[in-house]
Amino acid sequence: MNCAVGRFQGLTGQNNGADGLSNGCVACASGTYTSSTGHSVCTACEDGRYQTSTGQSACDKCAKGTYGRSEERRVGKECRSRW
């Protein structure tokens, strides 16, 4: 398995194309990422980070004075104001 960054293949025994995009590689959902090739799952954004797009290699930092709640990060929502 050699899916591209931001993609994963959760099924065993799959062959992937040389580009890492074909044969079952799937983009990570919003709120998750993979930072290197060959993942079988995507990682949820950490506290203080978020990702609203799919197929990403990292999560964005919340702006100063905002935070990201874990249940919101899982569905790809941006950070909210602390006030």
Protein backbone atom coordinates (compact mmCIF):
# COMPACT_ATOMS: atom_id res chain seq x y z
CA MET A 1 0.00 0.00 0.00
CA ASN A 2 1.41 3.37 -0.97
CA CYS A 3 -1.35 5.95 -0.88
CA ALA A 4 -0.36 9.58 -1.33
CA VAL A 5 -0.19 12.05 1.56
CA GLY A 6 -3.71 13.02 2.64
CA ARG A 7 -5.13 9.66 1.50
CA PHE A 8 -5.45 6.20 3.06
CA GLN A 9 -6.31 2.59 2.24
CA GLY A 10 -8.09 0.77 5.04
CA LEU A 11 -8.42 -2.62 3.32
CA THR A 12 -5.66 -5.23 3.50
CA GLY A 13 -4.26 -6.88 0.38
CA GLN A 14 -4.93 -3.95 -1.93
CA ASN A 15 -2.59 -2.82 -4.69
CA ASN A 16 -2.31 0.90 -5.36
CA GLY A 17 -1.30 2.65 -8.54
CA ALA A 18 2.09 4.33 -8.79
CA ASP A 19 0.42 7.70 -8.23
CA GLY A 20 -1.05 6.53 -4.89
CA LEU A 21 -4.47 7.80 -5.94
CA SER A 22 -6.02 4.78 -7.62
CA ASN A 23 -7.07 1.28 -6.56
CA GLY A 24 -8.87 2.13 -3.36
CA CYS A 25 -6.94 5.04 -1.87
CA VAL A 26 -9.44 7.44 -0.29
CA ALA A 27 -9.03 11.09 0.70
CA CYS A 28 -8.97 11.73 4.45
CA ALA A 29 -12.21 13.34 5.63
CA SER A 30 -12.33 16.91 6.88
CA GLY A 31 -11.11 17.05 10.47
CA THR A 32 -8.43 14.42 9.71
CA TYR A 33 -5.10 14.11 7.85
CA THR A 34 -2.13 11.89 6.97
CA SER A 35 1.31 13.49 6.91
CA SER A 36 3.12 10.72 5.03
CA THR A 37 2.39 7.96 2.50
CA GLY A 38 1.17 4.44 3.21
CA HIS A 39 -1.44 5.00 5.94
CA SER A 40 -4.33 2.65 6.69
CA VAL A 41 -6.23 5.31 8.70
CA CYS A 42 -6.29 9.10 8.95
CA THR A 43 -5.40 10.95 12.15
CA ALA A 44 -7.86 13.35 13.83
CA CYS A 45 -6.75 16.95 14.23
CA GLU A 46 -5.14 17.62 17.60
CA ASP A 47 -6.42 20.11 20.19
CA GLY A 48 -6.00 23.67 18.95
CA ARG A 49 -6.08 22.63 15.27
CA TYR A 50 -8.74 22.11 12.59
CA GLN A 51 -9.12 21.07 8.94
CA THR A 52 -12.17 21.91 6.82
CA SER A 53 -10.91 20.31 3.58
CA THR A 54 -10.54 16.65 2.60
CA GLY A 55 -7.30 14.92 1.55
CA GLN A 56 -4.95 17.08 3.60
CA SER A 57 -1.45 16.49 4.97
CA ALA A 58 -1.86 18.57 8.14
CA CYS A 59 -4.37 20.48 10.24
CA ASP A 60 -4.38 24.26 10.54
CA LYS A 61 -3.75 26.05 13.83
CA CYS A 62 -6.66 27.78 15.48
CA ALA A 63 -6.30 31.55 15.45
CA LYS A 64 -5.28 33.27 18.67
CA GLY A 65 -8.27 33.57 21.02
CA THR A 66 -10.10 30.61 19.47
CA TYR A 67 -10.25 26.89 20.18
CA GLY A 68 -11.33 23.68 18.48
CA ARG A 69 -13.54 21.23 20.35
CA SER A 70 -12.85 17.58 19.60
CA GLU A 71 -16.36 16.77 18.34
CA GLU A 72 -16.24 19.77 15.99
CA ARG A 73 -12.79 18.87 14.66
CA ARG A 74 -14.09 15.42 13.72
CA VAL A 75 -16.63 17.00 11.38
CA GLY A 76 -14.20 19.58 10.01
CA LYS A 77 -15.51 22.75 11.63
CA GLU A 78 -13.28 25.77 12.14
CA CYS A 79 -12.23 26.97 15.57
CA ARG A 80 -14.61 29.15 17.56
CA SER A 81 -14.09 32.22 19.71
CA ARG A 82 -13.33 31.71 23.37
CA TRP A 83 -15.62 34.62 24.28
